[in-house]
PDB file of N, CA and C in Angstrom:
ATOM      1  N   MET A   1       0.389  -1.017  -0.048  1.00  0.00           N
ATOM      2  CA  MET A   1      -0.074   0.134   0.346  1.00  0.00           C
ATOM      3  C   MET A   1       0.760   1.079  -0.344  1.00  0.00           C
ATOM      4  N   LYS A   2       0.466   1.859  -0.700  1.00  0.00           N
ATOM      5  CA  LYS A   2       1.370   3.687  -1.185  1.00  0.00           C
ATOM      6  C   LYS A   2       0.636   4.381  -0.684  1.00  0.00           C
ATOM      7  N   LYS A   3       1.521   4.942   1.002  1.00  0.00           N
ATOM      8  CA  LYS A   3       1.287   6.090   1.207  1.00  0.00           C
ATOM      9  C   LYS A   3       1.129   7.420   0.779  1.00  0.00           C
ATOM     10  N   ASP A   4       0.345   8.808   1.582  1.00  0.00           N
ATOM     11  CA  ASP A   4       0.376   9.751   0.634  1.00  0.00           C
ATOM     12  C   ASP A   4       1.628  10.837   1.996  1.00  0.00           C
ATOM     13  N   ARG A   5       2.480  12.061   0.822  1.00  0.00           N
ATOM     14  CA  ARG A   5       2.961  12.218   1.189  1.00  0.00           C
ATOM     15  C   ARG A   5       2.628  14.041   0.709  1.00  0.00           C
ATOM     16  N   GLU A   6       3.097  14.674   1.582  1.00  0.00           N
ATOM     17  CA  GLU A   6       2.940  16.044   1.870  1.00  0.00           C
ATOM     18  C   GLU A   6       4.416  16.710   1.365  1.00  0.00           C
ATOM     19  N   LEU A   7       4.087  17.438   0.479  1.00  0.00           N
ATOM     20  CA  LEU A   7       5.462  18.552   0.257  1.00  0.00           C
ATOM     21  C   LEU A   7       5.691  19.552   0.778  1.00  0.00           C
ATOM     22  N   PHE A   8       6.801  20.876   1.062  1.00  0.00           N
ATOM     23  CA  PHE A   8       6.591  22.101   1.665  1.00  0.00           C
ATOM     24  C   PHE A   8       7.381  22.960   0.656  1.00  0.00           C
ATOM     25  N   GLU A   9       7.277  24.094   0.522  1.00  0.00           N
ATOM     26  CA  GLU A   9       8.490  25.240   0.253  1.00  0.00           C
ATOM     27  C   GLU A   9       7.955  26.335   1.159  1.00  0.00           C
ATOM     28  N   VAL A  10       9.202  26.490   1.637  1.00  0.00           N
ATOM     29  CA  VAL A  10       9.260  27.821   2.618  1.00  0.00           C
ATOM     30  C   VAL A  10       9.440  29.179   2.240  1.00  0.00           C
ATOM     31  N   LYS A  11       9.256  30.052   2.530  1.00  0.00           N
ATOM     32  CA  LYS A  11       9.522  31.752   2.295  1.00  0.00           C
ATOM     33  C   LYS A  11       9.508  32.498   3.518  1.00  0.00           C
ATOM     34  N   TYR A  12      10.340  33.245   2.739  1.00  0.00           N
ATOM     35  CA  TYR A  12      10.502  34.250   4.212  1.00  0.00           C
ATOM     36  C   TYR A  12       9.688  35.936   3.738  1.00  0.00           C
ATOM     37  N   ALA A  13       8.821  36.577   3.943  1.00  0.00           N
ATOM     38  CA  ALA A  13       8.756  37.756   3.656  1.00  0.00           C
ATOM     39  C   ALA A  13       9.728  38.832   4.461  1.00  0.00           C
ATOM     40  N   LYS A  14       9.782  39.871   3.452  1.00  0.00           N
ATOM     41  CA  LYS A  14      10.541  41.042   4.267  1.00  0.00           C
ATOM     42  C   LYS A  14       9.812  41.644   4.921  1.00  0.00           C
ATOM     43  N   TRP A  15       8.438  41.809   4.168  1.00  0.00           N
ATOM     44  CA  TRP A  15       7.513  43.096   4.765  1.00  0.00           C
ATOM     45  C   TRP A  15       5.950  42.092   5.350  1.00  0.00           C
ATOM     46  N   LEU A  16       5.666  43.030   5.960  1.00  0.00           N
ATOM     47  CA  LEU A  16       3.863  41.951   6.245  1.00  0.00           C
ATOM     48  C   LEU A  16       2.508  42.039   4.690  1.00  0.00           C
ATOM     49  N   THR A  17       2.928  42.971   3.979  1.00  0.00           N
ATOM     50  CA  THR A  17       2.223  43.297   2.725  1.00  0.00           C
ATOM     51  C   THR A  17       2.478  41.924   2.045  1.00  0.00           C
ATOM     52  N   ASP A  18       3.776  41.609   2.169  1.00  0.00           N
ATOM     53  CA  ASP A  18       4.308  40.774   0.520  1.00  0.00           C
ATOM     54  C   ASP A  18       4.082  38.986   0.900  1.00  0.00           C
ATOM     55  N   LEU A  19       3.076  39.258   2.460  1.00  0.00           N
ATOM     56  CA  LEU A  19       2.950  38.013   3.019  1.00  0.00           C
ATOM     57  C   LEU A  19       2.282  37.172   2.009  1.00  0.00           C
ATOM     58  N   GLU A  20       1.622  36.963   1.774  1.00  0.00           N
ATOM     59  CA  GLU A  20       0.801  36.437   0.481  1.00  0.00           C
ATOM     60  C   GLU A  20       1.438  36.169  -0.927  1.00  0.00           C
ATOM     61  N   GLN A  21       2.244  37.311  -1.224  1.00  0.00           N
ATOM     62  CA  GLN A  21       3.019  37.396  -2.286  1.00  0.00           C
ATOM     63  C   GLN A  21       3.734  36.290  -2.042  1.00  0.00           C
ATOM     64  N   GLU A  22       4.450  36.064  -1.499  1.00  0.00           N
ATOM     65  CA  GLU A  22       5.963  35.228  -0.699  1.00  0.00           C
ATOM     66  C   GLU A  22       4.865  33.716  -0.829  1.00  0.00           C
ATOM     67  N   CYS A  23       3.772  33.396  -0.745  1.00  0.00           N
ATOM     68  CA  CYS A  23       2.960  32.293  -0.149  1.00  0.00           C
ATOM     69  C   CYS A  23       2.931  31.643  -1.309  1.00  0.00           C
ATOM     70  N   GLU A  24       2.503  32.915  -2.589  1.00  0.00           N
ATOM     71  CA  GLU A  24       2.442  32.514  -4.019  1.00  0.00           C
ATOM     72  C   GLU A  24       3.753  31.467  -4.652  1.00  0.00           C
ATOM     73  N   LYS A  25       4.209  32.512  -4.350  1.00  0.00           N
ATOM     74  CA  LYS A  25       5.834  32.050  -5.134  1.00  0.00           C
ATOM     75  C   LYS A  25       5.978  30.784  -4.542  1.00  0.00           C
ATOM     76  N   ALA A  26       5.880  30.226  -3.326  1.00  0.00           N
ATOM     77  CA  ALA A  26       6.335  29.070  -2.960  1.00  0.00           C
ATOM     78  C   ALA A  26       5.170  28.034  -3.550  1.00  0.00           C
ATOM     79  N   VAL A  27       4.559  28.247  -4.007  1.00  0.00           N
ATOM     80  CA  VAL A  27       3.774  27.000  -4.352  1.00  0.00           C
ATOM     81  C   VAL A  27       4.048  27.335  -5.769  1.00  0.00           C
ATOM     82  N   MET A  28       4.204  28.402  -6.298  1.00  0.00           N
ATOM     83  CA  MET A  28       4.714  28.050  -8.002  1.00  0.00           C
ATOM     84  C   MET A  28       6.091  27.592  -8.013  1.00  0.00           C
ATOM     85  N   GLN A  29       6.744  27.703  -7.088  1.00  0.00           N
ATOM     86  CA  GLN A  29       8.342  27.491  -7.329  1.00  0.00           C
ATOM     87  C   GLN A  29       7.919  25.753  -7.219  1.00  0.00           C
ATOM     88  N   ILE A  30       7.065  25.061  -6.588  1.00  0.00           N
ATOM     89  CA  ILE A  30       7.091  24.064  -6.274  1.00  0.00           C
ATOM     90  C   ILE A  30       6.431  23.154  -7.688  1.00  0.00           C
ATOM     91  N   ASP A  31       5.188  24.026  -8.796  1.00  0.00           N
ATOM     92  CA  ASP A  31       5.030  23.580  -9.809  1.00  0.00           C
ATOM     93  C   ASP A  31       6.596  24.292 -10.852  1.00  0.00           C
ATOM     94  N   ASP A  32       6.962  25.239 -10.913  1.00  0.00           N
ATOM     95  CA  ASP A  32       7.971  25.145 -12.015  1.00  0.00           C
ATOM     96  C   ASP A  32       9.041  24.167 -12.139  1.00  0.00           C
ATOM     97  N   ARG A  33       9.717  24.296 -10.595  1.00  0.00           N
ATOM     98  CA  ARG A  33      10.670  23.153 -11.054  1.00  0.00           C
ATOM     99  C   ARG A  33      10.713  21.641 -10.332  1.00  0.00           C
ATOM    100  N   MET A  34       8.661  21.259 -10.615  1.00  0.00           N
ATOM    101  CA  MET A  34       8.469  19.970 -10.226  1.00  0.00           C
ATOM    102  C   MET A  34       9.134  18.711  -9.018  1.00  0.00           C
ATOM    103  N   TYR A  35       8.838  19.392  -8.244  1.00  0.00           N
ATOM    104  CA  TYR A  35       8.992  19.125  -6.918  1.00  0.00           C
ATOM    105  C   TYR A  35       8.521  17.551  -6.711  1.00  0.00           C
ATOM    106  N   ALA A  36       7.151  18.151  -7.573  1.00  0.00           N
ATOM    107  CA  ALA A  36       5.920  16.766  -7.346  1.00  0.00           C
ATOM    108  C   ALA A  36       6.300  15.729  -7.821  1.00  0.00           C
ATOM    109  N   LYS A  37       7.090  16.174  -9.072  1.00  0.00           N
ATOM    110  CA  LYS A  37       6.616  14.605 -10.190  1.00  0.00           C
ATOM    111  C   LYS A  37       7.667  13.404  -9.451  1.00  0.00           C
ATOM    112  N   THR A  38       8.578  13.899  -8.836  1.00  0.00           N
ATOM    113  CA  THR A  38       9.239  12.574  -8.197  1.00  0.00           C
ATOM    114  C   THR A  38       8.580  11.834  -7.382  1.00  0.00           C
ATOM    115  N   LEU A  39       7.975  12.530  -6.562  1.00  0.00           N
ATOM    116  CA  LEU A  39       7.075  11.527  -5.243  1.00  0.00           C
ATOM    117  C   LEU A  39       5.867  10.834  -5.922  1.00  0.00           C
ATOM    118  N   GLU A  40       5.365  11.732  -7.041  1.00  0.00           N
ATOM    119  CA  GLU A  40       3.439  11.098  -7.655  1.00  0.00           C
ATOM    120  C   GLU A  40       4.014   9.906  -8.055  1.00  0.00           C
ATOM    121  N   ASP A  41       4.844   8.756  -9.123  1.00  0.00           N
ATOM    122  CA  ASP A  41       4.773   7.847  -9.155  1.00  0.00           C
ATOM    123  C   ASP A  41       5.207   7.335  -7.919  1.00  0.00           C
ATOM    124  N   ARG A  42       5.174   7.243  -6.908  1.00  0.00           N
ATOM    125  CA  ARG A  42       5.719   6.428  -5.725  1.00  0.00           C
ATOM    126  C   ARG A  42       4.471   6.292  -4.808  1.00  0.00           C
ATOM    127  N   TYR A  43       4.045   7.548  -4.578  1.00  0.00           N
ATOM    128  CA  TYR A  43       2.508   7.663  -3.225  1.00  0.00           C
ATOM    129  C   TYR A  43       1.216   8.449  -4.219  1.00  0.00           C
ATOM    130  N   ASP A  44       0.065   7.560  -3.447  1.00  0.00           N
ATOM    131  CA  ASP A  44      -1.112   7.671  -4.286  1.00  0.00           C
ATOM    132  C   ASP A  44      -1.466   8.966  -4.136  1.00  0.00           C
ATOM    133  N   GLN A  45      -1.112   9.980  -3.424  1.00  0.00           N
ATOM    134  CA  GLN A  45      -1.320  11.435  -3.053  1.00  0.00           C
ATOM    135  C   GLN A  45      -0.227  12.169  -2.389  1.00  0.00           C
ATOM    136  N   VAL A  46       0.198  13.700  -3.212  1.00  0.00           N
ATOM    137  CA  VAL A  46       1.271  14.308  -2.703  1.00  0.00           C
ATOM    138  C   VAL A  46       0.590  15.721  -3.021  1.00  0.00           C
ATOM    139  N   SER A  47       0.221  15.891  -1.561  1.00  0.00           N
ATOM    140  CA  SER A  47       0.038  17.946  -1.062  1.00  0.00           C
ATOM    141  C   SER A  47       0.665  18.656  -1.040  1.00  0.00           C
ATOM    142  N   CYS A  48       0.597  19.397  -1.462  1.00  0.00           N
ATOM    143  CA  CYS A  48       1.627  20.604  -1.825  1.00  0.00           C
ATOM    144  C   CYS A  48       1.319  21.414  -0.812  1.00  0.00           C
ATOM    145  N   PHE A  49       1.990  22.579  -0.173  1.00  0.00           N
ATOM    146  CA  PHE A  49       1.857  23.661   0.799  1.00  0.00           C
ATOM    147  C   PHE A  49       2.820  24.376   0.586  1.00  0.00           C
ATOM    148  N   GLY A  50       2.735  25.798  -0.121  1.00  0.00           N
ATOM    149  CA  GLY A  50       3.264  27.051   0.358  1.00  0.00           C
ATOM    150  C   GLY A  50       3.249  27.436   1.478  1.00  0.00           C
ATOM    151  N   ILE A  51       4.622  27.705   1.947  1.00  0.00           N
ATOM    152  CA  ILE A  51       4.094  28.686   3.569  1.00  0.00           C
ATOM    153  C   ILE A  51       4.960  29.918   3.499  1.00  0.00           C
ATOM    154  N   ALA A  52       4.747  31.023   3.683  1.00  0.00           N
ATOM    155  CA  ALA A  52       5.595  32.177   3.972  1.00  0.00           C
ATOM    156  C   ALA A  52       5.080  33.056   5.481  1.00  0.00           C
ATOM    157  N   PHE A  53       6.779  32.938   5.899  1.00  0.00           N
ATOM    158  CA  PHE A  53       6.487  33.717   7.131  1.00  0.00           C
ATOM    159  C   PHE A  53       7.189  35.503   7.308  1.00  0.00           C
ATOM    160  N   TYR A  54       6.489  36.459   8.331  1.00  0.00           N
ATOM    161  CA  TYR A  54       6.732  37.398   8.744  1.00  0.00           C
ATOM    162  C   TYR A  54       6.897  36.877   9.696  1.00  0.00           C
ATOM    163  N   LYS A  55       7.937  37.478  10.428  1.00  0.00           N
ATOM    164  CA  LYS A  55       8.419  37.613  11.650  1.00  0.00           C
ATOM    165  C   LYS A  55       7.483  36.662  12.336  1.00  0.00           C
ATOM    166  N   LYS A  56       6.536  36.514  13.558  1.00  0.00           N
ATOM    167  CA  LYS A  56       5.465  35.413  13.822  1.00  0.00           C
ATOM    168  C   LYS A  56       4.132  34.980  13.102  1.00  0.00           C
ATOM    169  N   ARG A  57       4.749  36.211  12.076  1.00  0.00           N
ATOM    170  CA  ARG A  57       2.725  35.284  11.280  1.00  0.00           C
ATOM    171  C   ARG A  57       3.337  34.311  10.664  1.00  0.00           C
ATOM    172  N   CYS A  58       2.264  33.592   9.868  1.00  0.00           N
ATOM    173  CA  CYS A  58       2.332  32.662   8.791  1.00  0.00           C
ATOM    174  C   CYS A  58       1.000  32.365   8.049  1.00  0.00           C
ATOM    175  N   LEU A  59       1.537  31.989   6.521  1.00  0.00           N
ATOM    176  CA  LEU A  59       0.264  31.928   5.690  1.00  0.00           C
ATOM    177  C   LEU A  59       0.796  30.943   5.122  1.00  0.00           C
ATOM    178  N   ILE A  60      -0.310  29.923   4.751  1.00  0.00           N
ATOM    179  CA  ILE A  60      -0.291  29.012   4.090  1.00  0.00           C
ATOM    180  C   ILE A  60      -0.861  28.380   2.876  1.00  0.00           C
ATOM    181  N   GLN A  61      -0.890  28.460   2.069  1.00  0.00           N
ATOM    182  CA  GLN A  61      -1.229  27.651   0.521  1.00  0.00           C
ATOM    183  C   GLN A  61      -1.547  26.648   0.188  1.00  0.00           C
ATOM    184  N   LYS A  62      -2.470  25.795   0.165  1.00  0.00           N
ATOM    185  CA  LYS A  62      -2.356  24.052   0.041  1.00  0.00           C
ATOM    186  C   LYS A  62      -2.765  24.274  -2.261  1.00  0.00           C
ATOM    187  N   LYS A  63      -1.603  23.682  -2.875  1.00  0.00           N
ATOM    188  CA  LYS A  63      -2.265  23.462  -4.233  1.00  0.00           C
ATOM    189  C   LYS A  63      -2.988  21.981  -4.841  1.00  0.00           C
TER     190      LYS A  63
END
């Protein structure tokens, strides 16, 4: 039985106003560099998350 996997790309925003944009960049990087492709053959489901931090704040997007 194959299991599910999670893939995370993390970014740091220099300004609070850039938090959402950095989160989107993280998700785009997963797509552009095809990080999930190597896992898709071996696992039933690969969940991708873009995470951006600004100080103690965090924003997460699931692809």
